[in-house]
Amino acid sequence: MDEYPPVVVVGAAAMDTKGRPDKGLKPGTSCEGDIRISVGGSARNIAENLARLGVPTTLLTAVGKDGSGRRILTQAQESGINVDRVIITDEFHTAAYMTIYDERGEPAYSIHDMDILSLITPQYLYYNRRIIAEAALVAVDANLSPRALRSLFALARKHKIRVCADPTTTGLAPRLKPYLSELYMITPNAAEAEVLTGLPVTNKSKALRAAKALVSMGVRLAIVTLAEKGLCYATSEASGTLPAVPCDIVDLTGAGDALTAAVIFGLLNEMDVDDAVRLGLAAAAATIQCKESVCPDLSVDILYERLVV
């Protein structure tokens, strides 16, 4: 693992509960289907993907002194994530995310409970400033409070550390607007890109326009994901669109986090942007075919097997 420079990931670690009906959803009543519980959280997912690709990864987050917190920490350690600096508290319960899919596997309703992330304070980040300063790159999700984001970007600015951000949801994406000019990479989906740019994103051409708009705002690499339609990306020097890797859909949760992690992996290996983004698509495809939020078999070999040339 020493062949790659270290990465610090800051944000949510949660338990995911996912329900999918056998047939259509019926308001006001229960319906037969499948319910699964797995470890998740955007930042934690990114951290696990990076660790499984051999990147030394430290996770800065908070979990409760409960069964969910213990499960998250145990699974993180087993996958190779450094969790020495994770806050463990009895003040809050571990974060949780619940989503209900329709019969096609598309998210219909989602609820998140992330109150525990209020413990990721400027003081906590300052306490971990040396770890952040030694990182080659910091990845962050938008679950952090505005105060915490301000402190994290100040640390990154001081130590000239690249920052990659996941907007997480349309409700949280605006928290990143003040820092677009400082972002090395951002990976919004279509709805999040609309929030960040104010431009409609209804097809690939409009997604590409949104990616270029983010670059004009200062982002070095903007990737707008379009689910089964693939993605669009832009830098100040190049732009393009790529199709999704054909695959059977089992669960869409975590696909964007896998893409973010694999692109970071490619950038750490000094790949061309186009190749790094293709790795991201390969990681997303592997994740979509798993019931877990992170593909437990993810590896560099699997990425290259699925790489679209």
C-alpha atoms as a PDB file:
ATOM      1  CA  MET A   1       0.000   0.000   0.000  1.00  0.00           C
ATOM      2  CA  ASP A   2       3.024   2.285   0.341  1.00  0.00           C
ATOM      3  CA  GLU A   3       3.312   2.749  -3.429  1.00  0.00           C
ATOM      4  CA  TYR A   4       0.427   5.241  -3.374  1.00  0.00           C
ATOM      5  CA  PRO A   5       0.379   8.566  -1.518  1.00  0.00           C
ATOM      6  CA  PRO A   6      -2.127   8.807   1.361  1.00  0.00           C
ATOM      7  CA  VAL A   7      -5.651  10.157   1.020  1.00  0.00           C
ATOM      8  CA  VAL A   8      -7.870  11.577   3.767  1.00  0.00           C
ATOM      9  CA  VAL A   9     -11.653  11.233   3.410  1.00  0.00           C
ATOM     10  CA  VAL A  10     -13.947  13.400   5.538  1.00  0.00           C
ATOM     11  CA  GLY A  11     -17.702  13.019   5.936  1.00  0.00           C
ATOM     12  CA  ALA A  12     -20.455  10.516   6.627  1.00  0.00           C
ATOM     13  CA  ALA A  13     -20.294   6.916   7.786  1.00  0.00           C
ATOM     14  CA  ALA A  14     -23.757   5.408   8.109  1.00  0.00           C
ATOM     15  CA  MET A  15     -25.875   2.293   8.033  1.00  0.00           C
ATOM     16  CA  ASP A  16     -27.870   1.933   4.820  1.00  0.00           C
ATOM     17  CA  THR A  17     -31.322   0.355   4.816  1.00  0.00           C
ATOM     18  CA  LYS A  18     -32.627  -0.341   1.326  1.00  0.00           C
ATOM     19  CA  GLY A  19     -36.044  -1.666   0.357  1.00  0.00           C
ATOM     20  CA  ARG A  20     -37.224  -2.747  -3.090  1.00  0.00           C
ATOM     21  CA  PRO A  21     -40.760  -4.015  -3.795  1.00  0.00           C
ATOM     22  CA  ASP A  22     -41.406  -7.137  -5.847  1.00  0.00           C
ATOM     23  CA  LYS A  23     -44.121  -5.234  -7.724  1.00  0.00           C
ATOM     24  CA  GLY A  24     -45.303  -1.637  -7.651  1.00  0.00           C
ATOM     25  CA  LEU A  25     -45.307   0.532  -4.529  1.00  0.00           C
ATOM     26  CA  LYS A  26     -48.747   1.047  -2.984  1.00  0.00           C
ATOM     27  CA  PRO A  27     -49.225   4.164  -0.821  1.00  0.00           C
ATOM     28  CA  GLY A  28     -50.706   3.555   2.617  1.00  0.00           C
ATOM     29  CA  THR A  29     -49.965  -0.157   2.788  1.00  0.00           C
ATOM     30  CA  SER A  30     -47.106  -2.640   3.029  1.00  0.00           C
ATOM     31  CA  CYS A  31     -45.910  -4.582   0.032  1.00  0.00           C
ATOM     32  CA  GLU A  32     -43.751  -7.653  -0.437  1.00  0.00           C
ATOM     33  CA  GLY A  33     -40.150  -7.057  -1.371  1.00  0.00           C
ATOM     34  CA  ASP A  34     -36.513  -7.238  -0.366  1.00  0.00           C
ATOM     35  CA  ILE A  35     -34.918  -5.267   2.514  1.00  0.00           C
ATOM     36  CA  ARG A  36     -31.160  -5.124   3.021  1.00  0.00           C
ATOM     37  CA  ILE A  37     -28.986  -3.401   5.598  1.00  0.00           C
ATOM     38  CA  SER A  38     -25.342  -2.596   4.866  1.00  0.00           C
ATOM     39  CA  VAL A  39     -22.609  -0.168   5.851  1.00  0.00           C
ATOM     40  CA  GLY A  40     -22.624   3.071   3.888  1.00  0.00           C
ATOM     41  CA  GLY A  41     -22.230   6.828   4.029  1.00  0.00           C
ATOM     42  CA  SER A  42     -20.756   8.697   1.083  1.00  0.00           C
ATOM     43  CA  ALA A  43     -17.347   9.441   2.617  1.00  0.00           C
ATOM     44  CA  ARG A  44     -17.065   5.959   4.103  1.00  0.00           C
ATOM     45  CA  ASN A  45     -17.941   4.402   0.743  1.00  0.00           C
ATOM     46  CA  ILE A  46     -15.277   6.454  -1.009  1.00  0.00           C
ATOM     47  CA  ALA A  47     -12.748   5.490   1.669  1.00  0.00           C
ATOM     48  CA  GLU A  48     -13.517   1.772   1.339  1.00  0.00           C
ATOM     49  CA  ASN A  49     -13.254   1.857  -2.436  1.00  0.00           C
ATOM     50  CA  LEU A  50      -9.881   3.603  -2.194  1.00  0.00           C
ATOM     51  CA  ALA A  51      -8.608   1.148   0.413  1.00  0.00           C
ATOM     52  CA  ARG A  52      -9.677  -1.819  -1.703  1.00  0.00           C
ATOM     53  CA  LEU A  53      -7.677  -0.313  -4.579  1.00  0.00           C
ATOM     54  CA  GLY A  54      -4.583  -0.218  -2.387  1.00  0.00           C
ATOM     55  CA  VAL A  55      -4.562   3.487  -1.529  1.00  0.00           C
ATOM     56  CA  PRO A  56      -3.575   4.299   2.105  1.00  0.00           C
ATOM     57  CA  THR A  57      -6.771   5.943   3.329  1.00  0.00           C
ATOM     58  CA  THR A  58      -7.685   7.643   6.601  1.00  0.00           C
ATOM     59  CA  LEU A  59     -11.349   8.276   7.398  1.00  0.00           C
ATOM     60  CA  LEU A  60     -12.386  11.254   9.519  1.00  0.00           C
ATOM     61  CA  THR A  61     -15.973  10.798  10.703  1.00  0.00           C
ATOM     62  CA  ALA A  62     -18.066  10.064  13.796  1.00  0.00           C
ATOM     63  CA  VAL A  63     -19.976   6.959  14.886  1.00  0.00           C
ATOM     64  CA  GLY A  64     -22.053   6.149  17.935  1.00  0.00           C
ATOM     65  CA  LYS A  65     -21.234   3.744  20.744  1.00  0.00           C
ATOM     66  CA  ASP A  66     -23.772   1.294  19.389  1.00  0.00           C
ATOM     67  CA  GLY A  67     -23.993  -1.834  17.279  1.00  0.00           C
ATOM     68  CA  SER A  68     -24.067   0.137  14.047  1.00  0.00           C
ATOM     69  CA  GLY A  69     -20.939   2.056  15.005  1.00  0.00           C
ATOM     70  CA  ARG A  70     -19.095  -1.126  15.908  1.00  0.00           C
ATOM     71  CA  ARG A  71     -20.125  -2.740  12.627  1.00  0.00           C
ATOM     72  CA  ILE A  72     -18.900   0.254  10.621  1.00  0.00           C
ATOM     73  CA  LEU A  73     -15.534   0.338  12.397  1.00  0.00           C
ATOM     74  CA  THR A  74     -14.991  -3.414  12.143  1.00  0.00           C
ATOM     75  CA  GLN A  75     -15.836  -3.497   8.460  1.00  0.00           C
ATOM     76  CA  ALA A  76     -13.652  -0.449   7.792  1.00  0.00           C
ATOM     77  CA  GLN A  77     -10.658  -2.029   9.485  1.00  0.00           C
ATOM     78  CA  GLU A  78     -11.192  -5.277   7.580  1.00  0.00           C
ATOM     79  CA  SER A  79     -11.206  -3.383   4.280  1.00  0.00           C
ATOM     80  CA  GLY A  80      -7.987  -1.521   5.147  1.00  0.00           C
ATOM     81  CA  ILE A  81      -9.256   1.922   6.171  1.00  0.00           C
ATOM     82  CA  ASN A  82      -7.386   3.731   8.947  1.00  0.00           C
ATOM     83  CA  VAL A  83     -10.064   4.612  11.539  1.00  0.00           C
ATOM     84  CA  ASP A  84      -7.729   5.650  14.383  1.00  0.00           C
ATOM     85  CA  ARG A  85      -9.068   9.227  14.324  1.00  0.00           C
ATOM     86  CA  VAL A  86     -12.798   8.434  14.080  1.00  0.00           C
ATOM     87  CA  ILE A  87     -14.919   9.991  16.857  1.00  0.00           C
ATOM     88  CA  ILE A  88     -16.803   7.378  18.910  1.00  0.00           C
ATOM     89  CA  THR A  89     -19.538   8.945  21.021  1.00  0.00           C
ATOM     90  CA  ASP A  90     -22.576   8.137  23.133  1.00  0.00           C
ATOM     91  CA  GLU A  91     -23.971  11.635  22.513  1.00  0.00           C
ATOM     92  CA  PHE A  92     -25.588  10.576  19.204  1.00  0.00           C
ATOM     93  CA  HIS A  93     -26.527   7.326  17.525  1.00  0.00           C
ATOM     94  CA  THR A  94     -24.667   6.299  14.372  1.00  0.00           C
ATOM     95  CA  ALA A  95     -25.831   7.998  11.184  1.00  0.00           C
ATOM     96  CA  ALA A  96     -28.429   6.202   9.078  1.00  0.00           C
ATOM     97  CA  TYR A  97     -29.724   6.339   5.520  1.00  0.00           C
ATOM     98  CA  MET A  98     -32.912   4.694   4.267  1.00  0.00           C
ATOM     99  CA  THR A  99     -34.107   4.468   0.694  1.00  0.00           C
ATOM    100  CA  ILE A 100     -37.085   2.840  -0.992  1.00  0.00           C
ATOM    101  CA  TYR A 101     -36.722   1.825  -4.619  1.00  0.00           C
ATOM    102  CA  ASP A 102     -39.431   1.276  -7.164  1.00  0.00           C
ATOM    103  CA  GLU A 103     -39.766  -2.095  -8.877  1.00  0.00           C
ATOM    104  CA  ARG A 104     -37.223  -1.010 -11.542  1.00  0.00           C
ATOM    105  CA  GLY A 105     -34.567  -0.333  -8.921  1.00  0.00           C
ATOM    106  CA  GLU A 106     -34.753   3.454  -9.166  1.00  0.00           C
ATOM    107  CA  PRO A 107     -34.772   5.408  -5.851  1.00  0.00           C
ATOM    108  CA  ALA A 108     -38.300   6.584  -5.033  1.00  0.00           C
ATOM    109  CA  TYR A 109     -37.916   7.980  -1.506  1.00  0.00           C
ATOM    110  CA  SER A 110     -34.911   8.504   0.757  1.00  0.00           C
ATOM    111  CA  ILE A 111     -34.364   9.721   4.322  1.00  0.00           C
ATOM    112  CA  HIS A 112     -31.062  10.431   6.049  1.00  0.00           C
ATOM    113  CA  ASP A 113     -30.287  10.974   9.740  1.00  0.00           C
ATOM    114  CA  MET A 114     -26.846  12.581  10.000  1.00  0.00           C
ATOM    115  CA  ASP A 115     -27.071  14.599  13.247  1.00  0.00           C
ATOM    116  CA  ILE A 116     -23.915  12.933  14.564  1.00  0.00           C
ATOM    117  CA  LEU A 117     -21.870  14.720  11.905  1.00  0.00           C
ATOM    118  CA  SER A 118     -22.237  17.931  13.934  1.00  0.00           C
ATOM    119  CA  LEU A 119     -19.270  16.487  15.856  1.00  0.00           C
ATOM    120  CA  ILE A 120     -17.026  17.033  12.831  1.00  0.00           C
ATOM    121  CA  THR A 121     -16.165  20.519  14.026  1.00  0.00           C
ATOM    122  CA  PRO A 122     -13.401  22.978  13.133  1.00  0.00           C
ATOM    123  CA  GLN A 123     -11.697  21.881  16.357  1.00  0.00           C
ATOM    124  CA  TYR A 124     -11.767  18.219  15.302  1.00  0.00           C
ATOM    125  CA  LEU A 125     -10.296  19.080  11.919  1.00  0.00           C
ATOM    126  CA  TYR A 126      -7.625  21.250  13.525  1.00  0.00           C
ATOM    127  CA  TYR A 127      -6.734  18.348  15.821  1.00  0.00           C
ATOM    128  CA  ASN A 128      -6.170  16.257  12.668  1.00  0.00           C
ATOM    129  CA  ARG A 129      -4.401  19.004  10.728  1.00  0.00           C
ATOM    130  CA  ARG A 130      -1.109  17.094  10.427  1.00  0.00           C
ATOM    131  CA  ILE A 131      -2.800  14.102   8.819  1.00  0.00           C
ATOM    132  CA  ILE A 132      -4.556  16.420   6.395  1.00  0.00           C
ATOM    133  CA  ALA A 133      -1.327  18.309   5.668  1.00  0.00           C
ATOM    134  CA  GLU A 134       0.474  15.054   4.801  1.00  0.00           C
ATOM    135  CA  ALA A 135      -2.216  13.843   2.398  1.00  0.00           C
ATOM    136  CA  ALA A 136      -1.809  13.883  -1.356  1.00  0.00           C
ATOM    137  CA  LEU A 137      -5.500  14.599  -1.634  1.00  0.00           C
ATOM    138  CA  VAL A 138      -8.579  15.139   0.534  1.00  0.00           C
ATOM    139  CA  ALA A 139     -12.020  13.836  -0.444  1.00  0.00           C
ATOM    140  CA  VAL A 140     -15.070  15.310   1.266  1.00  0.00           C
ATOM    141  CA  ASP A 141     -18.829  14.908   1.085  1.00  0.00           C
ATOM    142  CA  ALA A 142     -21.256  17.771   1.599  1.00  0.00           C
ATOM    143  CA  ASN A 143     -22.638  16.383   4.866  1.00  0.00           C
ATOM    144  CA  LEU A 144     -20.153  18.602   6.715  1.00  0.00           C
ATOM    145  CA  SER A 145     -21.493  21.777   8.279  1.00  0.00           C
ATOM    146  CA  PRO A 146     -20.635  25.111   6.630  1.00  0.00           C
ATOM    147  CA  ARG A 147     -18.237  25.853   9.524  1.00  0.00           C
ATOM    148  CA  ALA A 148     -16.464  22.526   9.121  1.00  0.00           C
ATOM    149  CA  LEU A 149     -16.200  22.946   5.353  1.00  0.00           C
ATOM    150  CA  ARG A 150     -14.734  26.427   5.831  1.00  0.00           C
ATOM    151  CA  SER A 151     -12.090  25.022   8.178  1.00  0.00           C
ATOM    152  CA  LEU A 152     -11.274  22.074   5.942  1.00  0.00           C
ATOM    153  CA  PHE A 153     -10.759  24.259   2.880  1.00  0.00           C
ATOM    154  CA  ALA A 154      -8.634  26.667   4.918  1.00  0.00           C
ATOM    155  CA  LEU A 155      -6.366  23.778   5.939  1.00  0.00           C
ATOM    156  CA  ALA A 156      -6.195  22.489   2.374  1.00  0.00           C
ATOM    157  CA  ARG A 157      -5.419  25.968   1.089  1.00  0.00           C
ATOM    158  CA  LYS A 158      -2.668  26.488   3.658  1.00  0.00           C
ATOM    159  CA  HIS A 159      -0.966  23.183   2.861  1.00  0.00           C
ATOM    160  CA  LYS A 160      -1.759  23.227  -0.877  1.00  0.00           C
ATOM    161  CA  ILE A 161      -3.714  19.970  -0.734  1.00  0.00           C
ATOM    162  CA  ARG A 162      -6.032  19.022  -3.596  1.00  0.00           C
ATOM    163  CA  VAL A 163      -9.693  18.635  -2.585  1.00  0.00           C
ATOM    164  CA  CYS A 164     -12.279  16.447  -4.323  1.00  0.00           C
ATOM    165  CA  ALA A 165     -15.935  16.815  -3.353  1.00  0.00           C
ATOM    166  CA  ASP A 166     -19.133  14.802  -3.654  1.00  0.00           C
ATOM    167  CA  PRO A 167     -22.203  17.091  -3.500  1.00  0.00           C
ATOM    168  CA  THR A 168     -24.119  14.163  -1.884  1.00  0.00           C
ATOM    169  CA  THR A 169     -27.689  15.504  -2.368  1.00  0.00           C
ATOM    170  CA  THR A 170     -29.406  18.441  -4.026  1.00  0.00           C
ATOM    171  CA  GLY A 171     -30.162  19.832  -0.560  1.00  0.00           C
ATOM    172  CA  LEU A 172     -26.508  19.716   0.524  1.00  0.00           C
ATOM    173  CA  ALA A 173     -24.827  20.674  -2.763  1.00  0.00           C
ATOM    174  CA  PRO A 174     -25.154  24.454  -2.173  1.00  0.00           C
ATOM    175  CA  ARG A 175     -22.701  24.129   0.732  1.00  0.00           C
ATOM    176  CA  LEU A 176     -19.954  23.616  -1.851  1.00  0.00           C
ATOM    177  CA  LYS A 177     -20.720  26.718  -3.911  1.00  0.00           C
ATOM    178  CA  PRO A 178     -18.314  29.011  -2.004  1.00  0.00           C
ATOM    179  CA  TYR A 179     -15.444  26.602  -2.728  1.00  0.00           C
ATOM    180  CA  LEU A 180     -15.887  25.751  -6.402  1.00  0.00           C
ATOM    181  CA  SER A 181     -12.835  27.808  -7.306  1.00  0.00           C
ATOM    182  CA  GLU A 182     -10.757  25.723  -4.875  1.00  0.00           C
ATOM    183  CA  LEU A 183     -11.949  22.274  -5.927  1.00  0.00           C
ATOM    184  CA  TYR A 184      -9.685  19.924  -7.807  1.00  0.00           C
ATOM    185  CA  MET A 185     -12.614  17.669  -8.699  1.00  0.00           C
ATOM    186  CA  ILE A 186     -16.373  17.541  -8.185  1.00  0.00           C
ATOM    187  CA  THR A 187     -18.733  14.695  -9.160  1.00  0.00           C
ATOM    188  CA  PRO A 188     -22.381  15.837  -9.150  1.00  0.00           C
ATOM    189  CA  ASN A 189     -25.240  13.915 -10.683  1.00  0.00           C
ATOM    190  CA  ALA A 190     -27.566  15.763 -13.063  1.00  0.00           C
ATOM    191  CA  ALA A 191     -29.817  17.219 -10.350  1.00  0.00           C
ATOM    192  CA  GLU A 192     -26.856  18.333  -8.221  1.00  0.00           C
ATOM    193  CA  ALA A 193     -25.182  19.905 -11.262  1.00  0.00           C
ATOM    194  CA  GLU A 194     -28.344  21.940 -11.864  1.00  0.00           C
ATOM    195  CA  VAL A 195     -28.217  23.217  -8.288  1.00  0.00           C
ATOM    196  CA  LEU A 196     -24.540  24.145  -8.555  1.00  0.00           C
ATOM    197  CA  THR A 197     -24.708  25.847 -11.950  1.00  0.00           C
ATOM    198  CA  GLY A 198     -28.305  27.001 -12.300  1.00  0.00           C
ATOM    199  CA  LEU A 199     -28.388  25.311 -15.714  1.00  0.00           C
ATOM    200  CA  PRO A 200     -30.893  22.611 -16.714  1.00  0.00           C
ATOM    201  CA  VAL A 201     -29.327  19.175 -17.128  1.00  0.00           C
ATOM    202  CA  THR A 202     -31.748  17.019 -19.091  1.00  0.00           C
ATOM    203  CA  ASN A 203     -29.454  15.325 -21.622  1.00  0.00           C
ATOM    204  CA  LYS A 204     -25.792  14.749 -22.405  1.00  0.00           C
ATOM    205  CA  SER A 205     -25.228  18.013 -24.248  1.00  0.00           C
ATOM    206  CA  LYS A 206     -26.660  20.015 -21.357  1.00  0.00           C
ATOM    207  CA  ALA A 207     -24.663  17.944 -18.864  1.00  0.00           C
ATOM    208  CA  LEU A 208     -21.503  18.735 -20.796  1.00  0.00           C
ATOM    209  CA  ARG A 209     -22.417  22.414 -20.715  1.00  0.00           C
ATOM    210  CA  ALA A 210     -22.867  22.189 -16.936  1.00  0.00           C
ATOM    211  CA  ALA A 211     -19.486  20.477 -16.547  1.00  0.00           C
ATOM    212  CA  LYS A 212     -17.833  23.243 -18.567  1.00  0.00           C
ATOM    213  CA  ALA A 213     -19.667  25.848 -16.472  1.00  0.00           C
ATOM    214  CA  LEU A 214     -18.242  24.317 -13.292  1.00  0.00           C
ATOM    215  CA  VAL A 215     -14.765  24.529 -14.821  1.00  0.00           C
ATOM    216  CA  SER A 216     -15.377  28.173 -15.663  1.00  0.00           C
ATOM    217  CA  MET A 217     -16.156  28.682 -11.959  1.00  0.00           C
ATOM    218  CA  GLY A 218     -12.744  27.309 -11.038  1.00  0.00           C
ATOM    219  CA  VAL A 219     -13.170  23.536 -10.700  1.00  0.00           C
ATOM    220  CA  ARG A 220     -10.215  21.712 -12.266  1.00  0.00           C
ATOM    221  CA  LEU A 221     -12.139  18.545 -13.195  1.00  0.00           C
ATOM    222  CA  ALA A 222     -15.945  18.408 -13.290  1.00  0.00           C
ATOM    223  CA  ILE A 223     -17.719  15.086 -13.840  1.00  0.00           C
ATOM    224  CA  VAL A 224     -21.497  15.107 -14.249  1.00  0.00           C
ATOM    225  CA  THR A 225     -22.926  11.608 -13.895  1.00  0.00           C
ATOM    226  CA  LEU A 226     -26.035  10.546 -15.803  1.00  0.00           C
ATOM    227  CA  ALA A 227     -26.790   7.067 -14.394  1.00  0.00           C
ATOM    228  CA  GLU A 228     -27.391   4.576 -17.233  1.00  0.00           C
ATOM    229  CA  LYS A 229     -26.545   7.270 -19.822  1.00  0.00           C
ATOM    230  CA  GLY A 230     -22.924   7.506 -18.665  1.00  0.00           C
ATOM    231  CA  LEU A 231     -21.300  10.832 -17.849  1.00  0.00           C
ATOM    232  CA  CYS A 232     -19.827  14.077 -19.128  1.00  0.00           C
ATOM    233  CA  TYR A 233     -16.553  15.584 -17.964  1.00  0.00           C
ATOM    234  CA  ALA A 234     -14.584  18.752 -18.504  1.00  0.00           C
ATOM    235  CA  THR A 235     -11.283  20.393 -17.617  1.00  0.00           C
ATOM    236  CA  SER A 236      -9.799  23.640 -18.852  1.00  0.00           C
ATOM    237  CA  GLU A 237      -8.060  21.684 -21.618  1.00  0.00           C
ATOM    238  CA  ALA A 238     -10.438  18.881 -22.574  1.00  0.00           C
ATOM    239  CA  SER A 239     -14.010  17.651 -22.332  1.00  0.00           C
ATOM    240  CA  GLY A 240     -16.043  14.677 -23.406  1.00  0.00           C
ATOM    241  CA  THR A 241     -18.873  12.234 -22.880  1.00  0.00           C
ATOM    242  CA  LEU A 242     -18.607   8.544 -22.079  1.00  0.00           C
ATOM    243  CA  PRO A 243     -21.246   5.802 -22.082  1.00  0.00           C
ATOM    244  CA  ALA A 244     -21.990   3.713 -19.014  1.00  0.00           C
ATOM    245  CA  VAL A 245     -20.490   0.225 -18.862  1.00  0.00           C
ATOM    246  CA  PRO A 246     -23.289  -2.210 -19.837  1.00  0.00           C
ATOM    247  CA  CYS A 247     -24.278  -4.338 -16.836  1.00  0.00           C
ATOM    248  CA  ASP A 248     -27.205  -5.794 -14.940  1.00  0.00           C
ATOM    249  CA  ILE A 249     -28.479  -3.445 -12.227  1.00  0.00           C
ATOM    250  CA  VAL A 250     -28.774  -4.947  -8.747  1.00  0.00           C
ATOM    251  CA  ASP A 251     -28.436  -1.832  -6.570  1.00  0.00           C
ATOM    252  CA  LEU A 252     -27.553   1.733  -7.590  1.00  0.00           C
ATOM    253  CA  THR A 253     -26.487   2.830  -4.096  1.00  0.00           C
ATOM    254  CA  GLY A 254     -22.805   3.728  -3.917  1.00  0.00           C
ATOM    255  CA  ALA A 255     -22.158   3.821  -7.659  1.00  0.00           C
ATOM    256  CA  GLY A 256     -21.226   7.511  -7.600  1.00  0.00           C
ATOM    257  CA  ASP A 257     -18.925   6.985  -4.616  1.00  0.00           C
ATOM    258  CA  ALA A 258     -17.157   4.159  -6.441  1.00  0.00           C
ATOM    259  CA  LEU A 259     -16.741   6.354  -9.501  1.00  0.00           C
ATOM    260  CA  THR A 260     -15.259   9.170  -7.386  1.00  0.00           C
ATOM    261  CA  ALA A 261     -12.798   6.823  -5.689  1.00  0.00           C
ATOM    262  CA  ALA A 262     -11.645   5.179  -8.913  1.00  0.00           C
ATOM    263  CA  VAL A 263     -11.098   8.537 -10.635  1.00  0.00           C
ATOM    264  CA  ILE A 264      -9.029   9.626  -7.627  1.00  0.00           C
ATOM    265  CA  PHE A 265      -7.072   6.372  -7.938  1.00  0.00           C
ATOM    266  CA  GLY A 266      -6.393   7.144 -11.590  1.00  0.00           C
ATOM    267  CA  LEU A 267      -5.307  10.706 -10.846  1.00  0.00           C
ATOM    268  CA  LEU A 268      -2.942   9.497  -8.109  1.00  0.00           C
ATOM    269  CA  ASN A 269      -1.415   7.238 -10.757  1.00  0.00           C
ATOM    270  CA  GLU A 270      -0.984  10.272 -13.031  1.00  0.00           C
ATOM    271  CA  MET A 271      -3.368   8.927 -15.645  1.00  0.00           C
ATOM    272  CA  ASP A 272      -4.838  11.121 -18.328  1.00  0.00           C
ATOM    273  CA  VAL A 273      -8.219  12.464 -17.258  1.00  0.00           C
ATOM    274  CA  ASP A 274     -10.034  10.441 -19.927  1.00  0.00           C
ATOM    275  CA  ASP A 275      -8.490   7.178 -18.684  1.00  0.00           C
ATOM    276  CA  ALA A 276      -9.125   8.039 -15.036  1.00  0.00           C
ATOM    277  CA  VAL A 277     -12.787   8.745 -15.788  1.00  0.00           C
ATOM    278  CA  ARG A 278     -13.078   5.426 -17.636  1.00  0.00           C
ATOM    279  CA  LEU A 279     -11.771   3.684 -14.523  1.00  0.00           C
ATOM    280  CA  GLY A 280     -14.496   5.475 -12.588  1.00  0.00           C
ATOM    281  CA  LEU A 281     -17.165   4.084 -14.913  1.00  0.00           C
ATOM    282  CA  ALA A 282     -15.739   0.591 -14.469  1.00  0.00           C
ATOM    283  CA  ALA A 283     -15.906   0.918 -10.680  1.00  0.00           C
ATOM    284  CA  ALA A 284     -19.492   2.194 -10.855  1.00  0.00           C
ATOM    285  CA  ALA A 285     -20.499  -0.789 -12.997  1.00  0.00           C
ATOM    286  CA  ALA A 286     -18.935  -3.243 -10.557  1.00  0.00           C
ATOM    287  CA  THR A 287     -20.796  -1.592  -7.676  1.00  0.00           C
ATOM    288  CA  ILE A 288     -24.168  -1.533  -9.427  1.00  0.00           C
ATOM    289  CA  GLN A 289     -23.999  -5.315  -9.716  1.00  0.00           C
ATOM    290  CA  CYS A 290     -23.510  -5.798  -5.953  1.00  0.00           C
ATOM    291  CA  LYS A 291     -26.060  -5.801  -3.140  1.00  0.00           C
ATOM    292  CA  GLU A 292     -23.617  -3.913  -0.915  1.00  0.00           C
ATOM    293  CA  SER A 293     -22.952  -0.174  -1.168  1.00  0.00           C
ATOM    294  CA  VAL A 294     -19.316  -1.002  -1.982  1.00  0.00           C
ATOM    295  CA  CYS A 295     -18.361  -3.975  -4.134  1.00  0.00           C
ATOM    296  CA  PRO A 296     -16.576  -6.340  -1.697  1.00  0.00           C
ATOM    297  CA  ASP A 297     -14.532  -7.822  -4.537  1.00  0.00           C
ATOM    298  CA  LEU A 298     -13.348  -4.497  -5.944  1.00  0.00           C
ATOM    299  CA  SER A 299      -9.721  -4.559  -7.044  1.00  0.00           C
ATOM    300  CA  VAL A 300      -7.446  -2.962  -9.608  1.00  0.00           C
ATOM    301  CA  ASP A 301      -7.700  -6.112 -11.739  1.00  0.00           C
ATOM    302  CA  ILE A 302     -11.511  -5.920 -11.786  1.00  0.00           C
ATOM    303  CA  LEU A 303     -11.357  -2.272 -12.849  1.00  0.00           C
ATOM    304  CA  TYR A 304      -9.176  -3.055 -15.828  1.00  0.00           C
ATOM    305  CA  GLU A 305     -11.290  -6.071 -16.789  1.00  0.00           C
ATOM    306  CA  ARG A 306     -14.323  -3.786 -17.033  1.00  0.00           C
ATOM    307  CA  LEU A 307     -12.530  -0.841 -18.591  1.00  0.00           C
ATOM    308  CA  VAL A 308     -14.247   0.575 -21.654  1.00  0.00           C
ATOM    309  CA  VAL A 309     -11.616   1.368 -24.278  1.00  0.00           C
END
